[in-house]
Amino acid sequence: MRVLLAAPSSPARLRNLVPLTWALRTAGHDVKIAGQPSFVEEILSTGTVAVDLEDRDDASLAESAALTEFAKLWRPQVVVSAGQAPAGTAAARAVDAVAVRLLGALDEPDASDADTTYDTVPASLRAGGGGARPVRHVPYFGPVEVPMWLRRKARRARVLLSLSDAELFGPVFDAVASVDAEVLCAAGSADFPAGTTVPANVRLVDSAPPAALLPTCAAVIHDGDAELALAAATHGLPQLSLIASTLIGRVEAAGAGLVDAAPAAGLIRDLITGGALRAGAHALRDEIAALPAPREVAAELAR
């Protein structure tokens, strides 16, 4: 079976496609991922075959006719689109292929002309499924190397700290300074505002690959990163977000996380040791684990 995947120029949305892509390839199907020229290297980094759409007018994938042109040449039986790549459905219609849409943490279910929509976000974190069929989320953050320091067992609870806004580090550092935990932060002192004090229990590292790190953690602190939030839920980790969002609000409603723009030390201790939060996070993890794996979706598409 030939399967063409349409990836918008969004690393997070591409990464959501990868587990299904690998499942299809492992099952013996011919799989290609199409994207804009500027995004080809990102596609190649996933270990899959990339199709350069050579869209000279620099239109977005959602508006491009190049995908349909390639589909007419290659004749796929299935076309899979990320949540924001509706051109995939148009390409599928042009070659009488099955049109499939795959939603992720950055998407909300909505009306679609696709034949089938799958959703990697569990029902507990959706206001409504919109008719989407569930598929298990498999966290993927790209190629990573397990650093030497991560091969040693942590001596105390480990917390992943991932922030995109440098101004947020100071308040979080103040809160975690008195907490008995090892806080891992992928940043350097030059990334912090002047006058920021890094506590002794905060470890600054060049990189903190979530795929390697999350299984060793007791909790996650972030600033609303939906992709990381869904990965933390998959690993059954309580999480604290400094910024509210739709998905994060649902994590909190599920009893698996907290939202607080100015966390105190006591709140972070509760995040690490709180039984109710951990129970909620484990329930969310078990819900995700019970969903059909990508290989089951691949087999279903083949049928």
C-alpha atoms as a PDB file:
ATOM      1  CA  MET A   1       0.000   0.000   0.000  1.00  0.00           C
ATOM      2  CA  ARG A   2       1.200   3.508  -0.814  1.00  0.00           C
ATOM      3  CA  VAL A   3       0.633   6.115   1.878  1.00  0.00           C
ATOM      4  CA  LEU A   4       1.317   9.811   1.428  1.00  0.00           C
ATOM      5  CA  LEU A   5       1.457  12.030   4.525  1.00  0.00           C
ATOM      6  CA  ALA A   6       1.036  15.799   4.315  1.00  0.00           C
ATOM      7  CA  ALA A   7       3.028  17.685   6.946  1.00  0.00           C
ATOM      8  CA  PRO A   8       2.612  21.427   7.520  1.00  0.00           C
ATOM      9  CA  SER A   9       5.789  23.298   8.433  1.00  0.00           C
ATOM     10  CA  SER A  10       5.343  22.680  12.146  1.00  0.00           C
ATOM     11  CA  PRO A  11       7.866  20.419  13.930  1.00  0.00           C
ATOM     12  CA  ALA A  12       5.325  19.503  16.631  1.00  0.00           C
ATOM     13  CA  ARG A  13       2.686  18.467  14.080  1.00  0.00           C
ATOM     14  CA  LEU A  14       5.258  16.513  12.091  1.00  0.00           C
ATOM     15  CA  ARG A  15       6.387  14.685  15.229  1.00  0.00           C
ATOM     16  CA  ASN A  16       2.768  13.682  15.883  1.00  0.00           C
ATOM     17  CA  LEU A  17       2.722  11.943  12.492  1.00  0.00           C
ATOM     18  CA  VAL A  18       5.940   9.986  13.045  1.00  0.00           C
ATOM     19  CA  PRO A  19       4.679   7.033  15.181  1.00  0.00           C
ATOM     20  CA  LEU A  20       1.989   6.219  12.590  1.00  0.00           C
ATOM     21  CA  THR A  21       4.550   6.669   9.811  1.00  0.00           C
ATOM     22  CA  TRP A  22       6.888   4.154  11.438  1.00  0.00           C
ATOM     23  CA  ALA A  23       4.031   1.731  12.085  1.00  0.00           C
ATOM     24  CA  LEU A  24       3.072   1.836   8.408  1.00  0.00           C
ATOM     25  CA  ARG A  25       6.659   1.346   7.241  1.00  0.00           C
ATOM     26  CA  THR A  26       7.244  -1.506   9.702  1.00  0.00           C
ATOM     27  CA  ALA A  27       4.138  -3.201   8.294  1.00  0.00           C
ATOM     28  CA  GLY A  28       5.750  -3.106   4.850  1.00  0.00           C
ATOM     29  CA  HIS A  29       3.942  -0.167   3.263  1.00  0.00           C
ATOM     30  CA  ASP A  30       5.518   2.430   0.982  1.00  0.00           C
ATOM     31  CA  VAL A  31       5.374   5.703   2.895  1.00  0.00           C
ATOM     32  CA  LYS A  32       6.368   9.262   1.985  1.00  0.00           C
ATOM     33  CA  ILE A  33       5.954  12.574   3.814  1.00  0.00           C
ATOM     34  CA  ALA A  34       5.403  15.685   1.711  1.00  0.00           C
ATOM     35  CA  GLY A  35       6.256  19.202   2.808  1.00  0.00           C
ATOM     36  CA  GLN A  36       7.508  22.602   1.775  1.00  0.00           C
ATOM     37  CA  PRO A  37      11.136  22.894   0.570  1.00  0.00           C
ATOM     38  CA  SER A  38      12.194  24.684   3.754  1.00  0.00           C
ATOM     39  CA  PHE A  39      10.830  21.790   5.820  1.00  0.00           C
ATOM     40  CA  VAL A  40      12.427  18.872   3.961  1.00  0.00           C
ATOM     41  CA  GLU A  41      15.438  18.584   6.298  1.00  0.00           C
ATOM     42  CA  GLU A  42      13.065  18.398   9.278  1.00  0.00           C
ATOM     43  CA  ILE A  43      11.174  15.552   7.582  1.00  0.00           C
ATOM     44  CA  LEU A  44      14.398  13.710   6.740  1.00  0.00           C
ATOM     45  CA  SER A  45      15.457  13.873  10.408  1.00  0.00           C
ATOM     46  CA  THR A  46      12.575  11.501  11.231  1.00  0.00           C
ATOM     47  CA  GLY A  47      14.165   8.751   9.141  1.00  0.00           C
ATOM     48  CA  THR A  48      11.419   8.780   6.507  1.00  0.00           C
ATOM     49  CA  VAL A  49      11.293   9.578   2.796  1.00  0.00           C
ATOM     50  CA  ALA A  50      10.592  13.258   2.111  1.00  0.00           C
ATOM     51  CA  VAL A  51       8.831  14.757  -0.882  1.00  0.00           C
ATOM     52  CA  ASP A  52       9.906  18.301  -1.738  1.00  0.00           C
ATOM     53  CA  LEU A  53       6.795  19.987  -3.099  1.00  0.00           C
ATOM     54  CA  GLU A  54       8.865  22.679  -4.840  1.00  0.00           C
ATOM     55  CA  ASP A  55       6.157  25.270  -4.324  1.00  0.00           C
ATOM     56  CA  ARG A  56       7.758  28.305  -5.929  1.00  0.00           C
ATOM     57  CA  ASP A  57       5.042  30.712  -4.829  1.00  0.00           C
ATOM     58  CA  ASP A  58       5.829  29.778  -1.193  1.00  0.00           C
ATOM     59  CA  ALA A  59       2.185  29.055  -0.436  1.00  0.00           C
ATOM     60  CA  SER A  60       1.359  27.072   2.658  1.00  0.00           C
ATOM     61  CA  LEU A  61       0.719  23.360   2.322  1.00  0.00           C
ATOM     62  CA  ALA A  62      -2.951  23.982   3.055  1.00  0.00           C
ATOM     63  CA  GLU A  63      -3.224  26.054  -0.139  1.00  0.00           C
ATOM     64  CA  SER A  64      -0.753  24.240  -2.364  1.00  0.00           C
ATOM     65  CA  ALA A  65      -1.633  22.379  -5.546  1.00  0.00           C
ATOM     66  CA  ALA A  66       1.787  20.719  -5.560  1.00  0.00           C
ATOM     67  CA  LEU A  67       0.596  17.988  -3.179  1.00  0.00           C
ATOM     68  CA  THR A  68      -2.234  17.041  -5.543  1.00  0.00           C
ATOM     69  CA  GLU A  69       0.162  17.051  -8.487  1.00  0.00           C
ATOM     70  CA  PHE A  70       2.477  14.632  -6.723  1.00  0.00           C
ATOM     71  CA  ALA A  71      -0.441  12.436  -5.655  1.00  0.00           C
ATOM     72  CA  LYS A  72      -1.546  12.154  -9.298  1.00  0.00           C
ATOM     73  CA  LEU A  73       1.976  11.073 -10.212  1.00  0.00           C
ATOM     74  CA  TRP A  74       2.538   8.607  -7.348  1.00  0.00           C
ATOM     75  CA  ARG A  75      -1.081   7.361  -6.923  1.00  0.00           C
ATOM     76  CA  PRO A  76      -1.245   6.646  -3.150  1.00  0.00           C
ATOM     77  CA  GLN A  77      -4.107   4.563  -1.744  1.00  0.00           C
ATOM     78  CA  VAL A  78      -4.194   6.584   1.501  1.00  0.00           C
ATOM     79  CA  VAL A  79      -3.383  10.245   2.193  1.00  0.00           C
ATOM     80  CA  VAL A  80      -2.866  11.228   5.827  1.00  0.00           C
ATOM     81  CA  SER A  81      -2.967  14.889   6.844  1.00  0.00           C
ATOM     82  CA  ALA A  82      -1.886  16.581  10.033  1.00  0.00           C
ATOM     83  CA  GLY A  83      -4.554  18.654  11.696  1.00  0.00           C
ATOM     84  CA  GLN A  84      -3.593  21.796   9.776  1.00  0.00           C
ATOM     85  CA  ALA A  85      -2.921  20.309   6.347  1.00  0.00           C
ATOM     86  CA  PRO A  86      -6.341  20.151   4.636  1.00  0.00           C
ATOM     87  CA  ALA A  87      -4.658  19.962   1.232  1.00  0.00           C
ATOM     88  CA  GLY A  88      -4.208  16.260   2.006  1.00  0.00           C
ATOM     89  CA  THR A  89      -7.949  15.656   1.685  1.00  0.00           C
ATOM     90  CA  ALA A  90      -8.033  17.474  -1.654  1.00  0.00           C
ATOM     91  CA  ALA A  91      -5.118  15.358  -2.897  1.00  0.00           C
ATOM     92  CA  ALA A  92      -6.873  12.170  -1.759  1.00  0.00           C
ATOM     93  CA  ARG A  93     -10.042  13.121  -3.626  1.00  0.00           C
ATOM     94  CA  ALA A  94      -8.052  13.784  -6.803  1.00  0.00           C
ATOM     95  CA  VAL A  95      -6.717  10.212  -6.893  1.00  0.00           C
ATOM     96  CA  ASP A  96      -9.658   8.387  -5.277  1.00  0.00           C
ATOM     97  CA  ALA A  97      -7.618   7.601  -2.159  1.00  0.00           C
ATOM     98  CA  VAL A  98      -8.799   7.329   1.437  1.00  0.00           C
ATOM     99  CA  ALA A  99      -8.472  10.712   3.181  1.00  0.00           C
ATOM    100  CA  VAL A 100      -7.310  10.454   6.788  1.00  0.00           C
ATOM    101  CA  ARG A 101      -6.677  13.230   9.292  1.00  0.00           C
ATOM    102  CA  LEU A 102      -4.539  12.839  12.436  1.00  0.00           C
ATOM    103  CA  LEU A 103      -5.066  15.310  15.283  1.00  0.00           C
ATOM    104  CA  GLY A 104      -2.550  16.102  17.997  1.00  0.00           C
ATOM    105  CA  ALA A 105      -2.014  18.283  21.047  1.00  0.00           C
ATOM    106  CA  LEU A 106      -2.055  21.493  18.987  1.00  0.00           C
ATOM    107  CA  ASP A 107      -5.372  20.698  17.306  1.00  0.00           C
ATOM    108  CA  GLU A 108      -9.025  20.841  18.280  1.00  0.00           C
ATOM    109  CA  PRO A 109     -11.586  18.532  16.625  1.00  0.00           C
ATOM    110  CA  ASP A 110     -13.634  20.351  14.005  1.00  0.00           C
ATOM    111  CA  ALA A 111     -15.561  19.666  10.841  1.00  0.00           C
ATOM    112  CA  SER A 112     -13.567  17.975   8.119  1.00  0.00           C
ATOM    113  CA  ASP A 113     -14.104  16.433   4.693  1.00  0.00           C
ATOM    114  CA  ALA A 114     -11.708  13.600   5.530  1.00  0.00           C
ATOM    115  CA  ASP A 115     -13.062  10.035   5.406  1.00  0.00           C
ATOM    116  CA  THR A 116     -11.648   9.272   8.857  1.00  0.00           C
ATOM    117  CA  THR A 117     -10.174  11.380  11.650  1.00  0.00           C
ATOM    118  CA  TYR A 118      -7.929   9.911  14.342  1.00  0.00           C
ATOM    119  CA  ASP A 119      -7.006  11.748  17.530  1.00  0.00           C
ATOM    120  CA  THR A 120      -3.895  11.168  19.646  1.00  0.00           C
ATOM    121  CA  VAL A 121      -5.341  13.228  22.516  1.00  0.00           C
ATOM    122  CA  PRO A 122      -7.376  11.070  24.945  1.00  0.00           C
ATOM    123  CA  ALA A 123     -11.069  11.723  25.529  1.00  0.00           C
ATOM    124  CA  SER A 124     -10.410  13.102  29.029  1.00  0.00           C
ATOM    125  CA  LEU A 125      -8.507  16.001  27.469  1.00  0.00           C
ATOM    126  CA  ARG A 126     -11.111  16.799  24.827  1.00  0.00           C
ATOM    127  CA  ALA A 127     -14.325  18.767  25.222  1.00  0.00           C
ATOM    128  CA  GLY A 128     -15.792  16.579  22.486  1.00  0.00           C
ATOM    129  CA  GLY A 129     -14.350  14.063  20.081  1.00  0.00           C
ATOM    130  CA  GLY A 130     -16.152  15.398  17.024  1.00  0.00           C
ATOM    131  CA  GLY A 131     -16.425  11.864  15.686  1.00  0.00           C
ATOM    132  CA  ALA A 132     -12.664  11.283  15.802  1.00  0.00           C
ATOM    133  CA  ARG A 133     -11.366   7.796  16.495  1.00  0.00           C
ATOM    134  CA  PRO A 134      -8.753   7.355  19.232  1.00  0.00           C
ATOM    135  CA  VAL A 135      -5.153   6.314  18.728  1.00  0.00           C
ATOM    136  CA  ARG A 136      -2.523   6.031  21.443  1.00  0.00           C
ATOM    137  CA  HIS A 137      -0.132   8.939  21.722  1.00  0.00           C
ATOM    138  CA  VAL A 138       3.515   7.878  21.438  1.00  0.00           C
ATOM    139  CA  PRO A 139       5.788  10.774  22.479  1.00  0.00           C
ATOM    140  CA  TYR A 140       8.436  11.612  19.899  1.00  0.00           C
ATOM    141  CA  PHE A 141      10.738  14.628  20.022  1.00  0.00           C
ATOM    142  CA  GLY A 142      13.169  13.821  17.246  1.00  0.00           C
ATOM    143  CA  PRO A 143      16.581  12.121  17.278  1.00  0.00           C
ATOM    144  CA  VAL A 144      18.215  12.312  20.695  1.00  0.00           C
ATOM    145  CA  GLU A 145      21.325  11.042  22.428  1.00  0.00           C
ATOM    146  CA  VAL A 146      21.146   9.869  26.032  1.00  0.00           C
ATOM    147  CA  PRO A 147      23.782  12.005  27.800  1.00  0.00           C
ATOM    148  CA  MET A 148      26.284  10.420  30.159  1.00  0.00           C
ATOM    149  CA  TRP A 149      24.884  12.183  33.242  1.00  0.00           C
ATOM    150  CA  LEU A 150      21.468  10.656  32.623  1.00  0.00           C
ATOM    151  CA  ARG A 151      22.874   7.123  32.845  1.00  0.00           C
ATOM    152  CA  ARG A 152      23.357   7.551  36.572  1.00  0.00           C
ATOM    153  CA  LYS A 153      20.426   6.933  38.893  1.00  0.00           C
ATOM    154  CA  ALA A 154      18.940  10.064  40.428  1.00  0.00           C
ATOM    155  CA  ARG A 155      19.498  10.348  44.198  1.00  0.00           C
ATOM    156  CA  ARG A 156      16.249  12.228  44.761  1.00  0.00           C
ATOM    157  CA  ALA A 157      13.062  13.106  42.923  1.00  0.00           C
ATOM    158  CA  ARG A 158      13.792  14.582  39.516  1.00  0.00           C
ATOM    159  CA  VAL A 159      11.773  17.404  37.957  1.00  0.00           C
ATOM    160  CA  LEU A 160      12.007  18.550  34.346  1.00  0.00           C
ATOM    161  CA  LEU A 161      11.836  22.333  34.006  1.00  0.00           C
ATOM    162  CA  SER A 162      11.148  23.532  30.463  1.00  0.00           C
ATOM    163  CA  LEU A 163      10.434  27.232  29.869  1.00  0.00           C
ATOM    164  CA  SER A 164      10.467  29.254  26.655  1.00  0.00           C
ATOM    165  CA  ASP A 165      10.222  32.653  28.401  1.00  0.00           C
ATOM    166  CA  ALA A 166      13.481  33.521  30.184  1.00  0.00           C
ATOM    167  CA  GLU A 167      11.668  35.956  32.488  1.00  0.00           C
ATOM    168  CA  LEU A 168       9.910  33.019  34.162  1.00  0.00           C
ATOM    169  CA  PHE A 169      13.069  31.303  35.389  1.00  0.00           C
ATOM    170  CA  GLY A 170      13.680  33.638  38.346  1.00  0.00           C
ATOM    171  CA  PRO A 171      10.312  33.070  40.088  1.00  0.00           C
ATOM    172  CA  VAL A 172      10.502  29.315  39.499  1.00  0.00           C
ATOM    173  CA  PHE A 173      14.067  29.126  40.815  1.00  0.00           C
ATOM    174  CA  ASP A 174      12.956  30.967  43.961  1.00  0.00           C
ATOM    175  CA  ALA A 175      10.151  28.435  44.454  1.00  0.00           C
ATOM    176  CA  VAL A 176      12.205  25.283  43.910  1.00  0.00           C
ATOM    177  CA  ALA A 177      15.251  26.374  45.951  1.00  0.00           C
ATOM    178  CA  SER A 178      13.932  24.837  49.174  1.00  0.00           C
ATOM    179  CA  VAL A 179      12.370  21.750  47.565  1.00  0.00           C
ATOM    180  CA  ASP A 180      14.160  18.424  48.011  1.00  0.00           C
ATOM    181  CA  ALA A 181      14.410  17.567  44.312  1.00  0.00           C
ATOM    182  CA  GLU A 182      16.819  17.629  41.418  1.00  0.00           C
ATOM    183  CA  VAL A 183      15.525  20.172  38.908  1.00  0.00           C
ATOM    184  CA  LEU A 184      16.846  19.737  35.371  1.00  0.00           C
ATOM    185  CA  CYS A 185      16.825  22.793  33.149  1.00  0.00           C
ATOM    186  CA  ALA A 186      18.051  22.873  29.546  1.00  0.00           C
ATOM    187  CA  ALA A 187      19.511  26.354  29.652  1.00  0.00           C
ATOM    188  CA  GLY A 188      22.725  28.228  30.375  1.00  0.00           C
ATOM    189  CA  SER A 189      23.365  31.089  32.757  1.00  0.00           C
ATOM    190  CA  ALA A 190      23.564  33.450  29.762  1.00  0.00           C
ATOM    191  CA  ASP A 191      19.907  32.678  29.013  1.00  0.00           C
ATOM    192  CA  PHE A 192      18.675  34.190  32.285  1.00  0.00           C
ATOM    193  CA  PRO A 193      17.954  37.851  33.038  1.00  0.00           C
ATOM    194  CA  ALA A 194      20.666  39.683  34.934  1.00  0.00           C
ATOM    195  CA  GLY A 195      20.572  39.023  38.657  1.00  0.00           C
ATOM    196  CA  THR A 196      18.958  35.579  38.367  1.00  0.00           C
ATOM    197  CA  THR A 197      20.218  33.215  41.070  1.00  0.00           C
ATOM    198  CA  VAL A 198      20.382  29.517  40.183  1.00  0.00           C
ATOM    199  CA  PRO A 199      19.698  27.341  43.276  1.00  0.00           C
ATOM    200  CA  ALA A 200      22.044  24.505  44.194  1.00  0.00           C
ATOM    201  CA  ASN A 201      19.398  21.896  43.390  1.00  0.00           C
ATOM    202  CA  VAL A 202      18.957  23.136  39.809  1.00  0.00           C
ATOM    203  CA  ARG A 203      21.121  21.423  37.232  1.00  0.00           C
ATOM    204  CA  LEU A 204      21.750  23.311  33.992  1.00  0.00           C
ATOM    205  CA  VAL A 205      22.349  21.015  31.031  1.00  0.00           C
ATOM    206  CA  ASP A 206      22.971  21.532  27.331  1.00  0.00           C
ATOM    207  CA  SER A 207      19.915  19.486  26.459  1.00  0.00           C
ATOM    208  CA  ALA A 208      17.157  17.683  28.311  1.00  0.00           C
ATOM    209  CA  PRO A 209      15.684  15.258  25.769  1.00  0.00           C
ATOM    210  CA  PRO A 210      12.154  14.465  26.983  1.00  0.00           C
ATOM    211  CA  ALA A 211      12.187  11.002  25.392  1.00  0.00           C
ATOM    212  CA  ALA A 212      15.135   9.980  27.560  1.00  0.00           C
ATOM    213  CA  LEU A 213      14.357  12.128  30.580  1.00  0.00           C
ATOM    214  CA  LEU A 214      10.619  11.758  31.270  1.00  0.00           C
ATOM    215  CA  PRO A 215      10.795   8.098  32.395  1.00  0.00           C
ATOM    216  CA  THR A 216      13.199   9.192  35.155  1.00  0.00           C
ATOM    217  CA  CYS A 217      11.119  12.152  36.379  1.00  0.00           C
ATOM    218  CA  ALA A 218       8.606  12.603  39.186  1.00  0.00           C
ATOM    219  CA  ALA A 219       7.022  15.762  37.734  1.00  0.00           C
ATOM    220  CA  VAL A 220       7.238  18.361  34.956  1.00  0.00           C
ATOM    221  CA  ILE A 221       7.101  22.158  35.093  1.00  0.00           C
ATOM    222  CA  HIS A 222       6.507  24.055  31.842  1.00  0.00           C
ATOM    223  CA  ASP A 223       4.898  27.174  30.447  1.00  0.00           C
ATOM    224  CA  GLY A 224       1.996  25.733  28.509  1.00  0.00           C
ATOM    225  CA  ASP A 225       3.883  23.535  26.031  1.00  0.00           C
ATOM    226  CA  ALA A 226       1.040  21.337  24.727  1.00  0.00           C
ATOM    227  CA  GLU A 227       3.364  18.753  23.172  1.00  0.00           C
ATOM    228  CA  LEU A 228       5.310  18.319  26.424  1.00  0.00           C
ATOM    229  CA  ALA A 229       2.068  18.302  28.435  1.00  0.00           C
ATOM    230  CA  LEU A 230       0.698  15.386  26.414  1.00  0.00           C
ATOM    231  CA  ALA A 231       4.018  13.529  26.724  1.00  0.00           C
ATOM    232  CA  ALA A 232       3.979  14.039  30.498  1.00  0.00           C
ATOM    233  CA  ALA A 233       0.421  12.688  30.620  1.00  0.00           C
ATOM    234  CA  THR A 234       1.521   9.634  28.642  1.00  0.00           C
ATOM    235  CA  HIS A 235       4.220   8.948  31.248  1.00  0.00           C
ATOM    236  CA  GLY A 236       1.817   9.483  34.158  1.00  0.00           C
ATOM    237  CA  LEU A 237       3.638  12.550  35.493  1.00  0.00           C
ATOM    238  CA  PRO A 238       1.948  15.326  37.475  1.00  0.00           C
ATOM    239  CA  GLN A 239       2.625  18.658  35.808  1.00  0.00           C
ATOM    240  CA  LEU A 240       2.592  22.346  36.616  1.00  0.00           C
ATOM    241  CA  SER A 241       1.997  24.926  33.907  1.00  0.00           C
ATOM    242  CA  LEU A 242       2.764  28.578  34.509  1.00  0.00           C
ATOM    243  CA  ILE A 243       0.490  29.552  31.619  1.00  0.00           C
ATOM    244  CA  ALA A 244      -3.124  28.522  31.117  1.00  0.00           C
ATOM    245  CA  SER A 245      -4.380  27.011  27.869  1.00  0.00           C
ATOM    246  CA  THR A 246      -7.274  24.853  26.759  1.00  0.00           C
ATOM    247  CA  LEU A 247      -5.337  21.592  26.950  1.00  0.00           C
ATOM    248  CA  ILE A 248      -3.625  22.479  30.217  1.00  0.00           C
ATOM    249  CA  GLY A 249      -6.960  23.400  31.741  1.00  0.00           C
ATOM    250  CA  ARG A 250      -8.264  19.945  30.896  1.00  0.00           C
ATOM    251  CA  VAL A 251      -5.171  18.317  32.429  1.00  0.00           C
ATOM    252  CA  GLU A 252      -5.939  20.232  35.620  1.00  0.00           C
ATOM    253  CA  ALA A 253      -9.622  19.242  35.453  1.00  0.00           C
ATOM    254  CA  ALA A 254      -8.548  15.598  35.127  1.00  0.00           C
ATOM    255  CA  GLY A 255      -6.680  15.936  38.425  1.00  0.00           C
ATOM    256  CA  ALA A 256      -3.306  15.374  36.745  1.00  0.00           C
ATOM    257  CA  GLY A 257      -1.825  18.855  36.936  1.00  0.00           C
ATOM    258  CA  LEU A 258      -1.934  22.418  38.192  1.00  0.00           C
ATOM    259  CA  VAL A 259      -1.922  25.879  36.643  1.00  0.00           C
ATOM    260  CA  ASP A 260      -0.258  28.656  38.620  1.00  0.00           C
ATOM    261  CA  ALA A 261       1.615  31.655  37.247  1.00  0.00           C
ATOM    262  CA  ALA A 262       3.466  32.215  40.534  1.00  0.00           C
ATOM    263  CA  PRO A 263       4.042  28.827  42.188  1.00  0.00           C
ATOM    264  CA  ALA A 264       5.252  28.584  45.772  1.00  0.00           C
ATOM    265  CA  ALA A 265       7.535  25.921  47.221  1.00  0.00           C
ATOM    266  CA  GLY A 266       4.627  24.141  48.925  1.00  0.00           C
ATOM    267  CA  LEU A 267       2.758  23.786  45.648  1.00  0.00           C
ATOM    268  CA  ILE A 268       5.802  22.260  43.968  1.00  0.00           C
ATOM    269  CA  ARG A 269       6.221  19.813  46.849  1.00  0.00           C
ATOM    270  CA  ASP A 270       2.590  18.799  46.358  1.00  0.00           C
ATOM    271  CA  LEU A 271       3.318  18.342  42.670  1.00  0.00           C
ATOM    272  CA  ILE A 272       6.109  15.888  43.454  1.00  0.00           C
ATOM    273  CA  THR A 273       4.629  14.019  46.403  1.00  0.00           C
ATOM    274  CA  GLY A 274       0.896  14.712  46.307  1.00  0.00           C
ATOM    275  CA  GLY A 275      -1.061  11.469  46.198  1.00  0.00           C
ATOM    276  CA  ALA A 276      -4.142  12.929  44.539  1.00  0.00           C
ATOM    277  CA  LEU A 277      -2.183  14.524  41.692  1.00  0.00           C
ATOM    278  CA  ARG A 278      -0.175  11.364  41.147  1.00  0.00           C
ATOM    279  CA  ALA A 279      -3.340   9.271  41.120  1.00  0.00           C
ATOM    280  CA  GLY A 280      -4.877  11.591  38.543  1.00  0.00           C
ATOM    281  CA  ALA A 281      -1.746  11.477  36.398  1.00  0.00           C
ATOM    282  CA  HIS A 282      -1.640   7.670  36.585  1.00  0.00           C
ATOM    283  CA  ALA A 283      -5.314   7.434  35.611  1.00  0.00           C
ATOM    284  CA  LEU A 284      -4.624   9.612  32.570  1.00  0.00           C
ATOM    285  CA  ARG A 285      -1.586   7.469  31.694  1.00  0.00           C
ATOM    286  CA  ASP A 286      -3.655   4.288  31.914  1.00  0.00           C
ATOM    287  CA  GLU A 287      -6.371   5.816  29.713  1.00  0.00           C
ATOM    288  CA  ILE A 288      -3.787   6.619  27.043  1.00  0.00           C
ATOM    289  CA  ALA A 289      -2.144   3.193  27.298  1.00  0.00           C
ATOM    290  CA  ALA A 290      -5.504   1.487  26.695  1.00  0.00           C
ATOM    291  CA  LEU A 291      -6.036   3.233  23.338  1.00  0.00           C
ATOM    292  CA  PRO A 292      -5.250   1.468  20.024  1.00  0.00           C
ATOM    293  CA  ALA A 293      -1.558   1.593  19.181  1.00  0.00           C
ATOM    294  CA  PRO A 294      -0.383   3.157  15.880  1.00  0.00           C
ATOM    295  CA  ARG A 295       0.263  -0.342  14.483  1.00  0.00           C
ATOM    296  CA  GLU A 296      -3.431  -1.168  14.959  1.00  0.00           C
ATOM    297  CA  VAL A 297      -4.393   1.956  13.031  1.00  0.00           C
ATOM    298  CA  ALA A 298      -1.907   1.001  10.294  1.00  0.00           C
ATOM    299  CA  ALA A 299      -3.535  -2.437  10.017  1.00  0.00           C
ATOM    300  CA  GLU A 300      -6.982  -0.831   9.931  1.00  0.00           C
ATOM    301  CA  LEU A 301      -5.972   1.494   7.103  1.00  0.00           C
ATOM    302  CA  ALA A 302      -4.572  -1.431   5.147  1.00  0.00           C
ATOM    303  CA  ARG A 303      -7.892  -3.277   5.465  1.00  0.00           C
END
